[in-house]
Amino acid sequence: MACNRRLRERLEQAAARDRFRVHVPPPSLCTDNAAMIAALGYHNLCAGRNVGLEQQARASGPEPALTGAP
């Protein structure tokens, strides 16, 4: 969402109207979470942890502990 241009514009408009500051990193620093998700999946798979497609995704929650990369 940090790269969403329209969202940034709306936040800046609201900040000007309601007099608060918005601090958003530049788009070059806002990357997709896919790389982090893939890395976690890789480490889980290497550790023998996997789940089937019936597993429900969670927006938050504890991540499993990683035990060294192979």
Protein backbone atom coordinates (compact mmCIF):
# COMPACT_ATOMS: atom_id res chain seq x y z
CA MET A 1 0.00 0.00 0.00
CA ALA A 2 2.92 2.34 0.56
CA CYS A 3 3.41 2.60 -3.21
CA ASN A 4 -0.24 3.42 -3.85
CA ARG A 5 -0.06 6.86 -5.43
CA ARG A 6 -3.74 7.68 -4.85
CA LEU A 7 -3.50 6.70 -1.18
CA ARG A 8 -0.45 8.91 -0.76
CA GLU A 9 -2.28 11.82 -2.39
CA ARG A 10 -5.32 11.37 -0.15
CA LEU A 11 -3.15 11.18 2.97
CA GLU A 12 -1.29 14.34 1.97
CA GLN A 13 -4.60 16.13 1.36
CA ALA A 14 -5.94 15.03 4.75
CA ALA A 15 -2.70 16.11 6.41
CA ALA A 16 -2.91 19.57 4.87
CA ARG A 17 -6.57 19.89 5.80
CA ASP A 18 -6.25 18.57 9.36
CA ARG A 19 -2.72 19.84 9.99
CA PHE A 20 -0.76 16.68 10.66
CA ARG A 21 2.41 15.29 9.12
CA VAL A 22 2.61 12.28 6.87
CA HIS A 23 5.88 10.38 6.68
CA VAL A 24 5.96 7.87 3.83
CA PRO A 25 9.12 6.24 2.50
CA PRO A 26 9.96 6.76 -1.16
CA PRO A 27 8.51 4.16 -3.56
CA SER A 28 12.00 2.77 -4.19
CA LEU A 29 12.01 1.55 -0.57
CA CYS A 30 8.49 0.09 -0.70
CA THR A 31 8.82 -3.36 -2.16
CA ASP A 32 6.40 -6.23 -2.48
CA ASN A 33 6.15 -8.65 0.44
CA ALA A 34 6.36 -11.58 -1.98
CA ALA A 35 10.12 -11.90 -1.48
CA MET A 36 9.74 -12.06 2.30
CA ILE A 37 6.91 -14.59 2.04
CA ALA A 38 8.93 -16.73 -0.35
CA ALA A 39 11.98 -16.61 1.94
CA LEU A 40 9.92 -17.70 4.94
CA GLY A 41 8.40 -20.51 2.87
CA TYR A 42 11.83 -21.62 1.73
CA HIS A 43 13.18 -21.81 5.29
CA ASN A 44 10.06 -23.59 6.54
CA LEU A 45 10.27 -26.13 3.72
CA CYS A 46 13.98 -26.72 4.38
CA ALA A 47 13.14 -27.30 8.06
CA GLY A 48 10.49 -29.87 7.06
CA ARG A 49 7.55 -27.63 7.95
CA ASN A 50 4.83 -27.38 5.33
CA VAL A 51 1.07 -27.13 5.14
CA GLY A 52 -1.48 -28.07 2.52
CA LEU A 53 -3.61 -25.74 0.47
CA GLU A 54 -6.36 -25.98 3.09
CA GLN A 55 -4.30 -23.76 5.42
CA GLN A 56 -5.92 -20.36 5.99
CA ALA A 57 -3.77 -17.27 5.55
CA ARG A 58 -3.38 -14.94 8.52
CA ALA A 59 -2.71 -11.24 8.30
CA SER A 60 -0.85 -11.32 11.59
CA GLY A 61 0.37 -13.80 14.09
CA PRO A 62 3.59 -15.32 15.32
CA GLU A 63 6.01 -16.52 12.70
CA PRO A 64 7.63 -19.89 13.29
CA ALA A 65 11.19 -19.78 14.55
CA LEU A 66 13.72 -20.33 11.78
CA THR A 67 16.56 -22.74 12.40
CA GLY A 68 19.52 -21.82 10.21
CA ALA A 69 19.59 -21.79 6.44
CA PRO A 70 20.85 -24.88 4.64
